[in-house]
Every structure is written in structure tokens, then in C-alpha cells.
Amino acid sequence: KSTLLNQLFRTNFRMMDAKEGRGQTTQGIWIGKGIGIEPFTIAMDVEGSDGGERAQDGTTTFEKRSALFALAIADIVIINMWCHDIGREHAASRPLLKIVFEAMTRLFGARRTTLLFVLRDQTPTPLERLEHILRRNIDQIWAAAATPKAHRRARLGEFFNVEIIALPNYEFEKEKFNEQ
């Protein structure tokens, strides 16, 4: 996440060094100003939802709160996923997305936040196929979300723009990653 934000917004968030091992790099929420971007843009680096450093009970309290904070202030929320996690329950953040959908309909109303799913480490599976599966999963999560009576018949598109892109592996295809 931090690497992607640094590339997009020229921020200087701390990034994981794979040579040092795998583990949590971002703790809490970090905010940086996008450099050379108009209008004024801030980027938030929020700790990952799949780290072993916090107690894992499906979705932690911090995870829920940070997701809701991001929704409350962001025009675009980037959801960083590995391509091979498409279709998985927890690895694909399904429980957290359900919480996000429920909170958005309950607290914020229809304001069309963009959910940008960035699929990391693109596999040989064509993006169109991955996108089809992911959109089907998102629709299922939306349908299962408990929404207030006023929004029971609301469509996902009334609250969110969903965009999906895939990027090659940063470590093994750095040039192609930077280009895209």
C-alpha cells in the first residue's frame, strides 16, 4: 500500500523491506500531502487489515474505525488486493467491505465515493475475468449488507463508483509497474 501511495502521490510513507522479513510497516494512520498535484490532495496510509500484529477476530475495532474515517473524508478509497485473493472470504476483505457498505448507508448517505480496487501482482488470469468475479462478489456483499429502511432498494452505484485495475509485481517487474 505504502509503495503504491508513494508512487502515485510522491509521498514518503515507510515501505516494507522484504529483505528484513514480512510484517507490519504502517501502524495507525499516516497522512501525506501529494506533491505536484492540483488541487491540494492528501493521501492516507492506513495499516493493513490482514496483519498478524493486531488481534484477528475477522475485523478488528481499529480496522473498522480506520475504514470509516477514510470513508468520511475521502473521495477515493484505494483497496489494495493481491490478484490471487479474488474470491476468498477474508483475504479479499469481504467482512470489512460489508461493514463499509452498512456504515455508508447508515451514516453518510449517497455521496458516490469511488472505491478503487488495485489488484496487485497481476496473474495470467485476464483482468476482465478477475473484474467479473470481483464485481460479482461486491454485488453479493452489497445485497447481504444490513441497510436502513430508507436505502433497502438502493443500488450500489448510488453510493459508490467501483473501479478495478491490476498492476504487475513491484519487485519483479518494477519498470512495468512504474509505467502503469
N, C-alpha and C. Protein backbone atom coordinates (compact mmCIF):
# COMPACT_ATOMS: atom_id res chain seq x y z
N LYS A 1 0.83 -1.19 0.00
CA LYS A 1 0.00 0.00 0.00
C LYS A 1 0.87 1.25 0.00
N SER A 2 1.85 1.25 0.90
CA SER A 2 2.71 2.42 1.03
C SER A 2 3.48 2.67 -0.27
N THR A 3 3.96 1.63 -0.89
CA THR A 3 4.70 1.74 -2.15
C THR A 3 3.81 2.37 -3.22
N LEU A 4 2.59 1.90 -3.32
CA LEU A 4 1.66 2.42 -4.31
C LEU A 4 1.35 3.89 -4.05
N LEU A 5 1.10 4.24 -2.80
CA LEU A 5 0.82 5.64 -2.46
C LEU A 5 2.02 6.52 -2.75
N ASN A 6 3.22 6.05 -2.43
CA ASN A 6 4.43 6.83 -2.71
C ASN A 6 4.60 7.06 -4.21
N GLN A 7 4.29 6.06 -5.02
CA GLN A 7 4.41 6.19 -6.47
C GLN A 7 3.37 7.15 -7.03
N LEU A 8 2.14 7.04 -6.54
CA LEU A 8 1.05 7.86 -7.07
C LEU A 8 1.10 9.32 -6.62
N PHE A 9 1.43 9.52 -5.35
CA PHE A 9 1.31 10.86 -4.77
C PHE A 9 2.65 11.49 -4.39
N ARG A 10 3.73 10.80 -4.69
CA ARG A 10 5.09 11.26 -4.34
C ARG A 10 5.21 11.56 -2.85
N THR A 11 4.56 10.72 -2.05
CA THR A 11 4.69 10.82 -0.61
C THR A 11 5.92 10.04 -0.18
N ASN A 12 6.16 10.00 1.09
CA ASN A 12 7.35 9.32 1.60
C ASN A 12 6.96 8.40 2.75
N PHE A 13 5.91 7.60 2.55
CA PHE A 13 5.50 6.66 3.58
C PHE A 13 6.52 5.53 3.69
N ARG A 14 6.72 5.06 4.90
CA ARG A 14 7.66 3.95 5.13
C ARG A 14 7.14 2.70 4.42
N MET A 15 8.05 2.02 3.71
CA MET A 15 7.66 0.84 2.95
C MET A 15 8.33 -0.40 3.54
N MET A 16 7.69 -1.54 3.33
CA MET A 16 8.24 -2.79 3.81
C MET A 16 9.49 -3.14 3.02
N ASP A 17 10.50 -3.61 3.72
CA ASP A 17 11.71 -4.10 3.10
C ASP A 17 11.67 -5.61 3.20
N ALA A 18 11.40 -6.28 2.08
CA ALA A 18 11.23 -7.73 2.08
C ALA A 18 12.49 -8.45 2.58
N LYS A 19 13.65 -7.83 2.42
CA LYS A 19 14.89 -8.44 2.89
C LYS A 19 14.93 -8.52 4.42
N GLU A 20 14.18 -7.64 5.07
CA GLU A 20 14.12 -7.62 6.53
C GLU A 20 13.05 -8.58 7.06
N GLY A 21 12.26 -9.15 6.16
CA GLY A 21 11.18 -10.03 6.57
C GLY A 21 9.84 -9.38 6.28
N ARG A 22 8.80 -10.14 6.48
CA ARG A 22 7.46 -9.63 6.20
C ARG A 22 6.79 -9.31 7.51
N GLY A 23 6.17 -8.17 7.57
CA GLY A 23 5.47 -7.76 8.77
C GLY A 23 4.87 -6.39 8.59
N GLN A 24 4.23 -5.93 9.63
CA GLN A 24 3.55 -4.65 9.59
C GLN A 24 4.56 -3.52 9.45
N THR A 25 4.33 -2.64 8.50
CA THR A 25 5.16 -1.46 8.30
C THR A 25 4.41 -0.23 8.79
N THR A 26 3.16 -0.08 8.36
CA THR A 26 2.35 1.07 8.74
C THR A 26 1.57 0.73 10.00
N GLN A 27 1.73 1.55 11.01
CA GLN A 27 0.94 1.41 12.23
C GLN A 27 0.06 2.64 12.36
N GLY A 28 -1.22 2.41 12.53
CA GLY A 28 -2.14 3.53 12.64
C GLY A 28 -2.44 4.12 11.28
N ILE A 29 -2.61 5.45 11.26
CA ILE A 29 -2.94 6.17 10.03
C ILE A 29 -1.90 7.27 9.84
N TRP A 30 -1.31 7.31 8.66
CA TRP A 30 -0.33 8.34 8.31
C TRP A 30 -0.89 9.16 7.17
N ILE A 31 -0.65 10.46 7.21
CA ILE A 31 -1.17 11.36 6.19
C ILE A 31 -0.01 12.11 5.55
N GLY A 32 -0.02 12.20 4.23
CA GLY A 32 0.99 12.94 3.49
C GLY A 32 0.36 13.77 2.40
N LYS A 33 0.97 14.90 2.10
CA LYS A 33 0.49 15.77 1.02
C LYS A 33 1.01 15.24 -0.31
N GLY A 34 0.11 15.14 -1.28
CA GLY A 34 0.51 14.76 -2.62
C GLY A 34 1.38 15.87 -3.21
N ILE A 35 2.54 15.52 -3.74
CA ILE A 35 3.48 16.50 -4.28
C ILE A 35 3.21 16.72 -5.76
N GLY A 36 3.07 17.98 -6.16
CA GLY A 36 2.87 18.33 -7.56
C GLY A 36 1.49 17.98 -8.08
N ILE A 37 0.52 17.88 -7.18
CA ILE A 37 -0.84 17.51 -7.58
C ILE A 37 -1.78 18.65 -7.24
N GLU A 38 -2.55 19.07 -8.24
CA GLU A 38 -3.57 20.10 -8.03
C GLU A 38 -4.92 19.50 -8.40
N PRO A 39 -5.97 19.75 -7.64
CA PRO A 39 -6.00 20.56 -6.44
C PRO A 39 -5.28 19.86 -5.29
N PHE A 40 -5.12 20.58 -4.19
CA PHE A 40 -4.46 20.06 -3.00
C PHE A 40 -5.01 18.67 -2.68
N THR A 41 -4.11 17.71 -2.53
CA THR A 41 -4.51 16.32 -2.32
C THR A 41 -3.73 15.74 -1.16
N ILE A 42 -4.44 15.05 -0.28
CA ILE A 42 -3.74 14.31 0.77
C ILE A 42 -3.94 12.83 0.54
N ALA A 43 -2.95 12.06 0.94
CA ALA A 43 -3.01 10.60 0.86
C ALA A 43 -2.92 10.07 2.28
N MET A 44 -3.73 9.08 2.58
CA MET A 44 -3.70 8.45 3.90
C MET A 44 -3.21 7.02 3.73
N ASP A 45 -2.21 6.67 4.50
CA ASP A 45 -1.72 5.30 4.53
C ASP A 45 -2.24 4.67 5.82
N VAL A 46 -3.13 3.73 5.67
CA VAL A 46 -3.79 3.09 6.81
C VAL A 46 -3.21 1.69 6.96
N GLU A 47 -2.96 1.29 8.19
CA GLU A 47 -2.38 -0.04 8.39
C GLU A 47 -3.24 -1.12 7.78
N GLY A 48 -2.60 -2.17 7.34
CA GLY A 48 -3.28 -3.25 6.65
C GLY A 48 -4.27 -3.99 7.52
N SER A 49 -5.24 -4.58 6.88
CA SER A 49 -6.29 -5.30 7.61
C SER A 49 -5.95 -6.77 7.79
N ASP A 50 -4.84 -7.21 7.22
CA ASP A 50 -4.53 -8.63 7.29
C ASP A 50 -3.27 -8.94 8.07
N GLY A 51 -2.74 -7.97 8.78
CA GLY A 51 -1.52 -8.20 9.56
C GLY A 51 -1.78 -9.02 10.80
N GLY A 52 -0.78 -9.76 11.23
CA GLY A 52 -0.89 -10.57 12.43
C GLY A 52 -0.57 -9.80 13.69
N GLU A 53 -0.18 -8.54 13.54
CA GLU A 53 0.24 -7.76 14.70
C GLU A 53 -0.91 -7.37 15.62
N ARG A 54 -2.09 -7.20 15.08
CA ARG A 54 -3.27 -6.92 15.91
C ARG A 54 -4.08 -8.21 16.03
N ALA A 55 -4.83 -8.31 17.10
CA ALA A 55 -5.67 -9.50 17.30
C ALA A 55 -6.61 -9.63 16.12
N GLN A 56 -6.72 -10.80 15.58
CA GLN A 56 -7.57 -11.01 14.42
C GLN A 56 -8.86 -11.71 14.83
N ASP A 57 -9.96 -10.98 14.77
CA ASP A 57 -11.28 -11.53 15.07
C ASP A 57 -12.19 -11.32 13.87
N GLY A 58 -11.65 -11.48 12.69
CA GLY A 58 -12.40 -11.19 11.47
C GLY A 58 -12.12 -9.78 11.03
N THR A 59 -12.58 -8.82 11.77
CA THR A 59 -12.24 -7.42 11.54
C THR A 59 -12.07 -6.77 12.90
N THR A 60 -10.98 -6.13 13.14
CA THR A 60 -10.69 -5.53 14.44
C THR A 60 -11.38 -4.18 14.56
N THR A 61 -11.48 -3.74 15.79
CA THR A 61 -12.09 -2.43 16.05
C THR A 61 -11.32 -1.34 15.33
N PHE A 62 -9.99 -1.37 15.39
CA PHE A 62 -9.20 -0.34 14.71
C PHE A 62 -9.45 -0.36 13.21
N GLU A 63 -9.50 -1.53 12.65
CA GLU A 63 -9.74 -1.68 11.22
C GLU A 63 -11.07 -1.05 10.82
N LYS A 64 -12.10 -1.31 11.60
CA LYS A 64 -13.42 -0.74 11.32
C LYS A 64 -13.38 0.78 11.41
N ARG A 65 -12.78 1.27 12.48
CA ARG A 65 -12.74 2.71 12.68
C ARG A 65 -11.92 3.42 11.62
N SER A 66 -10.80 2.84 11.25
CA SER A 66 -9.96 3.49 10.23
C SER A 66 -10.66 3.47 8.87
N ALA A 67 -11.36 2.40 8.56
CA ALA A 67 -12.11 2.35 7.30
C ALA A 67 -13.21 3.40 7.29
N LEU A 68 -13.90 3.57 8.39
CA LEU A 68 -14.97 4.57 8.46
C LEU A 68 -14.41 5.98 8.41
N PHE A 69 -13.26 6.19 9.04
CA PHE A 69 -12.60 7.50 8.97
C PHE A 69 -12.24 7.82 7.52
N ALA A 70 -11.66 6.86 6.83
CA ALA A 70 -11.29 7.07 5.42
C ALA A 70 -12.52 7.39 4.59
N LEU A 71 -13.61 6.65 4.81
CA LEU A 71 -14.85 6.91 4.07
C LEU A 71 -15.39 8.31 4.33
N ALA A 72 -15.28 8.74 5.58
CA ALA A 72 -15.85 10.03 5.95
C ALA A 72 -15.15 11.19 5.27
N ILE A 73 -13.85 11.07 4.97
CA ILE A 73 -13.13 12.21 4.42
C ILE A 73 -12.61 12.02 3.01
N ALA A 74 -12.64 10.81 2.49
CA ALA A 74 -12.02 10.55 1.20
C ALA A 74 -13.00 10.59 0.04
N ASP A 75 -12.51 11.07 -1.08
CA ASP A 75 -13.26 10.98 -2.33
C ASP A 75 -13.00 9.64 -3.01
N ILE A 76 -11.79 9.14 -2.80
CA ILE A 76 -11.38 7.85 -3.38
C ILE A 76 -10.76 7.00 -2.28
N VAL A 77 -11.23 5.78 -2.15
CA VAL A 77 -10.65 4.81 -1.22
C VAL A 77 -10.02 3.72 -2.07
N ILE A 78 -8.70 3.54 -1.91
CA ILE A 78 -7.99 2.51 -2.66
C ILE A 78 -7.97 1.24 -1.82
N ILE A 79 -8.46 0.17 -2.40
CA ILE A 79 -8.46 -1.13 -1.74
C ILE A 79 -7.41 -1.97 -2.46
N ASN A 80 -6.37 -2.27 -1.75
CA ASN A 80 -5.19 -2.94 -2.29
C ASN A 80 -5.34 -4.45 -2.06
N MET A 81 -5.42 -5.23 -3.14
CA MET A 81 -5.63 -6.68 -3.02
C MET A 81 -4.65 -7.43 -3.91
N TRP A 82 -4.25 -8.60 -3.47
CA TRP A 82 -3.49 -9.47 -4.35
C TRP A 82 -4.45 -10.13 -5.32
N CYS A 83 -4.04 -10.28 -6.55
CA CYS A 83 -4.90 -10.91 -7.56
C CYS A 83 -5.36 -12.30 -7.11
N HIS A 84 -4.46 -13.05 -6.49
CA HIS A 84 -4.82 -14.42 -6.11
C HIS A 84 -5.81 -14.48 -4.94
N ASP A 85 -6.14 -13.33 -4.33
CA ASP A 85 -7.12 -13.31 -3.25
C ASP A 85 -8.55 -13.08 -3.74
N ILE A 86 -8.72 -12.82 -5.02
CA ILE A 86 -10.06 -12.61 -5.56
C ILE A 86 -10.88 -13.88 -5.31
N GLY A 87 -12.05 -13.70 -4.71
CA GLY A 87 -12.93 -14.83 -4.43
C GLY A 87 -12.77 -15.41 -3.04
N ARG A 88 -11.72 -15.02 -2.32
CA ARG A 88 -11.54 -15.52 -0.95
C ARG A 88 -12.33 -14.67 0.02
N GLU A 89 -12.74 -15.27 1.13
CA GLU A 89 -13.58 -14.57 2.11
C GLU A 89 -12.82 -13.48 2.86
N HIS A 90 -11.84 -13.83 3.64
CA HIS A 90 -11.17 -12.84 4.48
C HIS A 90 -10.03 -12.14 3.74
N ALA A 91 -9.30 -12.86 2.93
CA ALA A 91 -8.18 -12.24 2.22
C ALA A 91 -8.65 -11.14 1.28
N ALA A 92 -9.86 -11.27 0.79
CA ALA A 92 -10.41 -10.27 -0.12
C ALA A 92 -11.21 -9.20 0.63
N SER A 93 -11.09 -9.15 1.93
CA SER A 93 -11.71 -8.11 2.77
C SER A 93 -13.23 -8.09 2.70
N ARG A 94 -13.85 -9.22 2.46
CA ARG A 94 -15.31 -9.26 2.37
C ARG A 94 -15.99 -8.78 3.65
N PRO A 95 -15.56 -9.24 4.83
CA PRO A 95 -16.23 -8.75 6.06
C PRO A 95 -16.09 -7.23 6.23
N LEU A 96 -14.92 -6.70 5.91
CA LEU A 96 -14.71 -5.27 6.06
C LEU A 96 -15.55 -4.50 5.04
N LEU A 97 -15.65 -4.99 3.81
CA LEU A 97 -16.48 -4.31 2.81
C LEU A 97 -17.94 -4.28 3.24
N LYS A 98 -18.41 -5.34 3.86
CA LYS A 98 -19.79 -5.35 4.34
C LYS A 98 -19.99 -4.27 5.40
N ILE A 99 -19.05 -4.13 6.30
CA ILE A 99 -19.12 -3.09 7.33
C ILE A 99 -19.11 -1.71 6.68
N VAL A 100 -18.25 -1.52 5.68
CA VAL A 100 -18.16 -0.25 4.96
C VAL A 100 -19.50 0.07 4.29
N PHE A 101 -20.08 -0.90 3.62
CA PHE A 101 -21.36 -0.67 2.94
C PHE A 101 -22.45 -0.31 3.93
N GLU A 102 -22.51 -1.04 5.03
CA GLU A 102 -23.53 -0.76 6.04
C GLU A 102 -23.36 0.63 6.64
N ALA A 103 -22.12 0.98 6.95
CA ALA A 103 -21.86 2.29 7.56
C ALA A 103 -22.17 3.41 6.59
N MET A 104 -21.83 3.24 5.33
CA MET A 104 -22.05 4.29 4.34
C MET A 104 -23.54 4.59 4.23
N THR A 105 -24.36 3.55 4.18
CA THR A 105 -25.80 3.78 4.04
C THR A 105 -26.41 4.33 5.32
N ARG A 106 -25.84 3.98 6.45
CA ARG A 106 -26.38 4.41 7.74
C ARG A 106 -25.91 5.81 8.13
N LEU A 107 -24.65 6.12 7.87
CA LEU A 107 -24.05 7.35 8.40
C LEU A 107 -23.87 8.48 7.40
N PHE A 108 -23.54 8.15 6.17
CA PHE A 108 -23.11 9.20 5.25
C PHE A 108 -24.09 9.50 4.13
N GLY A 109 -24.96 8.58 3.80
CA GLY A 109 -25.88 8.83 2.70
C GLY A 109 -25.20 8.67 1.35
N ALA A 110 -25.96 8.85 0.31
CA ALA A 110 -25.46 8.65 -1.05
C ALA A 110 -24.58 9.83 -1.46
N ARG A 111 -23.26 9.62 -1.54
CA ARG A 111 -22.37 10.69 -1.97
C ARG A 111 -21.35 10.22 -3.01
N ARG A 112 -21.46 8.99 -3.42
CA ARG A 112 -20.67 8.41 -4.52
C ARG A 112 -19.17 8.49 -4.30
N THR A 113 -18.72 7.85 -3.27
CA THR A 113 -17.29 7.67 -3.04
C THR A 113 -16.78 6.66 -4.05
N THR A 114 -15.60 6.88 -4.58
CA THR A 114 -15.01 5.91 -5.50
C THR A 114 -14.23 4.87 -4.72
N LEU A 115 -14.54 3.61 -4.96
CA LEU A 115 -13.77 2.50 -4.42
C LEU A 115 -12.90 2.00 -5.56
N LEU A 116 -11.60 2.24 -5.44
CA LEU A 116 -10.66 1.82 -6.48
C LEU A 116 -9.95 0.56 -5.99
N PHE A 117 -10.29 -0.55 -6.59
CA PHE A 117 -9.64 -1.81 -6.25
C PHE A 117 -8.38 -1.94 -7.10
N VAL A 118 -7.25 -1.99 -6.44
CA VAL A 118 -5.98 -2.17 -7.12
C VAL A 118 -5.55 -3.61 -6.89
N LEU A 119 -5.55 -4.40 -7.94
CA LEU A 119 -5.18 -5.80 -7.85
C LEU A 119 -3.68 -5.91 -8.09
N ARG A 120 -2.97 -6.32 -7.06
CA ARG A 120 -1.51 -6.40 -7.12
C ARG A 120 -1.05 -7.72 -7.71
N ASP A 121 0.15 -7.66 -8.25
CA ASP A 121 0.83 -8.86 -8.74
C ASP A 121 -0.03 -9.62 -9.74
N GLN A 122 -0.38 -8.91 -10.82
CA GLN A 122 -1.28 -9.46 -11.84
C GLN A 122 -0.83 -10.84 -12.28
N THR A 123 -1.78 -11.73 -12.33
CA THR A 123 -1.54 -13.12 -12.71
C THR A 123 -1.88 -13.29 -14.19
N PRO A 124 -1.64 -14.48 -14.73
CA PRO A 124 -2.03 -14.71 -16.13
C PRO A 124 -3.55 -14.64 -16.36
N THR A 125 -4.34 -14.71 -15.29
CA THR A 125 -5.79 -14.59 -15.44
C THR A 125 -6.10 -13.20 -15.99
N PRO A 126 -6.83 -13.12 -17.09
CA PRO A 126 -7.14 -11.81 -17.67
C PRO A 126 -7.87 -10.90 -16.69
N LEU A 127 -7.57 -9.61 -16.74
CA LEU A 127 -8.21 -8.64 -15.86
C LEU A 127 -9.72 -8.70 -15.99
N GLU A 128 -10.24 -8.91 -17.19
CA GLU A 128 -11.68 -8.95 -17.40
C GLU A 128 -12.31 -10.07 -16.56
N ARG A 129 -11.64 -11.20 -16.47
CA ARG A 129 -12.15 -12.33 -15.67
C ARG A 129 -12.10 -12.00 -14.18
N LEU A 130 -10.98 -11.45 -13.72
CA LEU A 130 -10.84 -11.07 -12.32
C LEU A 130 -11.88 -10.01 -11.95
N GLU A 131 -12.07 -9.04 -12.86
CA GLU A 131 -13.03 -7.98 -12.61
C GLU A 131 -14.45 -8.54 -12.51
N HIS A 132 -14.79 -9.48 -13.37
CA HIS A 132 -16.12 -10.10 -13.33
C HIS A 132 -16.35 -10.77 -11.98
N ILE A 133 -15.39 -11.55 -11.51
CA ILE A 133 -15.51 -12.25 -10.23
C ILE A 133 -15.61 -11.24 -9.09
N LEU A 134 -14.74 -10.24 -9.10
CA LEU A 134 -14.73 -9.25 -8.03
C LEU A 134 -16.04 -8.46 -8.00
N ARG A 135 -16.53 -8.04 -9.14
CA ARG A 135 -17.80 -7.30 -9.18
C ARG A 135 -18.97 -8.17 -8.69
N ARG A 136 -18.96 -9.43 -9.04
CA ARG A 136 -20.00 -10.35 -8.55
C ARG A 136 -19.91 -10.45 -7.02
N ASN A 137 -18.68 -10.57 -6.49
CA ASN A 137 -18.51 -10.63 -5.04
C ASN A 137 -18.97 -9.34 -4.36
N ILE A 138 -18.63 -8.21 -4.94
CA ILE A 138 -19.05 -6.91 -4.39
C ILE A 138 -20.56 -6.81 -4.38
N ASP A 139 -21.21 -7.24 -5.46
CA ASP A 139 -22.68 -7.22 -5.53
C ASP A 139 -23.30 -8.12 -4.45
N GLN A 140 -22.69 -9.28 -4.21
CA GLN A 140 -23.18 -10.19 -3.17
C GLN A 140 -23.04 -9.55 -1.78
N ILE A 141 -21.91 -8.90 -1.54
CA ILE A 141 -21.69 -8.24 -0.26
C ILE A 141 -22.71 -7.12 -0.08
N TRP A 142 -22.94 -6.32 -1.13
CA TRP A 142 -23.91 -5.24 -1.07
C TRP A 142 -25.30 -5.79 -0.75
N ALA A 143 -25.68 -6.88 -1.41
CA ALA A 143 -27.00 -7.48 -1.19
C ALA A 143 -27.16 -8.01 0.23
N ALA A 144 -26.08 -8.46 0.84
CA ALA A 144 -26.13 -9.03 2.19
C ALA A 144 -26.00 -7.97 3.29
N ALA A 145 -25.61 -6.77 2.92
CA ALA A 145 -25.41 -5.71 3.92
C ALA A 145 -26.74 -5.27 4.51
N ALA A 146 -26.74 -5.07 5.82
CA ALA A 146 -27.93 -4.57 6.50
C ALA A 146 -27.99 -3.06 6.30
N THR A 147 -29.01 -2.61 5.59
CA THR A 147 -29.13 -1.19 5.28
C THR A 147 -30.40 -0.64 5.92
N PRO A 148 -30.41 0.66 6.24
CA PRO A 148 -31.62 1.26 6.81
C PRO A 148 -32.78 1.16 5.83
N LYS A 149 -33.96 1.22 6.37
CA LYS A 149 -35.18 1.09 5.57
C LYS A 149 -35.19 2.04 4.38
N ALA A 150 -34.72 3.25 4.58
CA ALA A 150 -34.73 4.27 3.51
C ALA A 150 -33.85 3.87 2.32
N HIS A 151 -32.89 2.98 2.54
CA HIS A 151 -31.95 2.60 1.47
C HIS A 151 -32.04 1.12 1.07
N ARG A 152 -33.10 0.44 1.50
CA ARG A 152 -33.20 -1.00 1.22
C ARG A 152 -33.18 -1.33 -0.27
N ARG A 153 -33.74 -0.46 -1.07
CA ARG A 153 -33.79 -0.73 -2.51
C ARG A 153 -32.70 0.01 -3.28
N ALA A 154 -31.82 0.65 -2.55
CA ALA A 154 -30.76 1.43 -3.20
C ALA A 154 -29.77 0.50 -3.90
N ARG A 155 -29.27 0.98 -5.01
CA ARG A 155 -28.26 0.23 -5.74
C ARG A 155 -26.87 0.67 -5.27
N LEU A 156 -25.92 -0.20 -5.41
CA LEU A 156 -24.53 0.08 -5.05
C LEU A 156 -24.05 1.37 -5.71
N GLY A 157 -24.42 1.57 -6.96
CA GLY A 157 -23.98 2.72 -7.73
C GLY A 157 -24.47 4.06 -7.20
N GLU A 158 -25.48 4.04 -6.33
CA GLU A 158 -25.96 5.28 -5.73
C GLU A 158 -24.99 5.78 -4.64
N PHE A 159 -24.18 4.88 -4.12
CA PHE A 159 -23.26 5.21 -3.04
C PHE A 159 -21.80 5.17 -3.47
N PHE A 160 -21.48 4.28 -4.41
CA PHE A 160 -20.09 4.05 -4.77
C PHE A 160 -19.89 3.96 -6.28
N ASN A 161 -18.80 4.52 -6.75
CA ASN A 161 -18.27 4.21 -8.07
C ASN A 161 -17.24 3.12 -7.82
N VAL A 162 -17.32 2.03 -8.51
CA VAL A 162 -16.35 0.94 -8.33
C VAL A 162 -15.48 0.88 -9.58
N GLU A 163 -14.18 0.99 -9.35
CA GLU A 163 -13.21 0.88 -10.43
C GLU A 163 -12.20 -0.19 -10.06
N ILE A 164 -11.74 -0.93 -11.05
CA ILE A 164 -10.81 -2.04 -10.81
C ILE A 164 -9.67 -1.95 -11.81
N ILE A 165 -8.45 -1.99 -11.28
CA ILE A 165 -7.27 -2.04 -12.14
C ILE A 165 -6.34 -3.12 -11.60
N ALA A 166 -5.40 -3.55 -12.41
CA ALA A 166 -4.41 -4.54 -11.98
C ALA A 166 -3.02 -4.01 -12.30
N LEU A 167 -2.09 -4.30 -11.41
CA LEU A 167 -0.71 -3.87 -11.59
C LEU A 167 0.22 -5.08 -11.49
N PRO A 168 1.32 -5.05 -12.24
CA PRO A 168 2.30 -6.13 -12.13
C PRO A 168 3.02 -6.07 -10.78
N ASN A 169 3.79 -7.09 -10.50
CA ASN A 169 4.56 -7.18 -9.26
C ASN A 169 5.62 -6.08 -9.20
N TYR A 170 5.62 -5.34 -8.10
CA TYR A 170 6.56 -4.22 -7.93
C TYR A 170 8.01 -4.68 -7.87
N GLU A 171 8.27 -5.77 -7.20
CA GLU A 171 9.65 -6.22 -7.02
C GLU A 171 10.22 -6.87 -8.27
N PHE A 172 9.42 -7.65 -8.99
CA PHE A 172 9.92 -8.42 -10.11
C PHE A 172 9.71 -7.74 -11.47
N GLU A 173 8.78 -6.79 -11.53
CA GLU A 173 8.51 -6.08 -12.78
C GLU A 173 8.44 -4.59 -12.50
N LYS A 174 9.45 -4.06 -11.83
CA LYS A 174 9.44 -2.68 -11.35
C LYS A 174 9.22 -1.68 -12.47
N GLU A 175 9.90 -1.87 -13.60
CA GLU A 175 9.77 -0.93 -14.70
C GLU A 175 8.33 -0.90 -15.24
N LYS A 176 7.76 -2.09 -15.43
CA LYS A 176 6.39 -2.18 -15.92
C LYS A 176 5.41 -1.61 -14.88
N PHE A 177 5.66 -1.90 -13.59
CA PHE A 177 4.83 -1.35 -12.52
C PHE A 177 4.85 0.18 -12.57
N ASN A 178 6.03 0.76 -12.63
CA ASN A 178 6.16 2.23 -12.66
C ASN A 178 5.49 2.83 -13.89
N GLU A 179 5.61 2.15 -15.01
CA GLU A 179 5.00 2.62 -16.25
C GLU A 179 3.47 2.67 -16.11
N GLN A 180 2.91 1.61 -15.57
CA GLN A 180 1.45 1.54 -15.46
C GLN A 180 0.94 2.45 -14.37
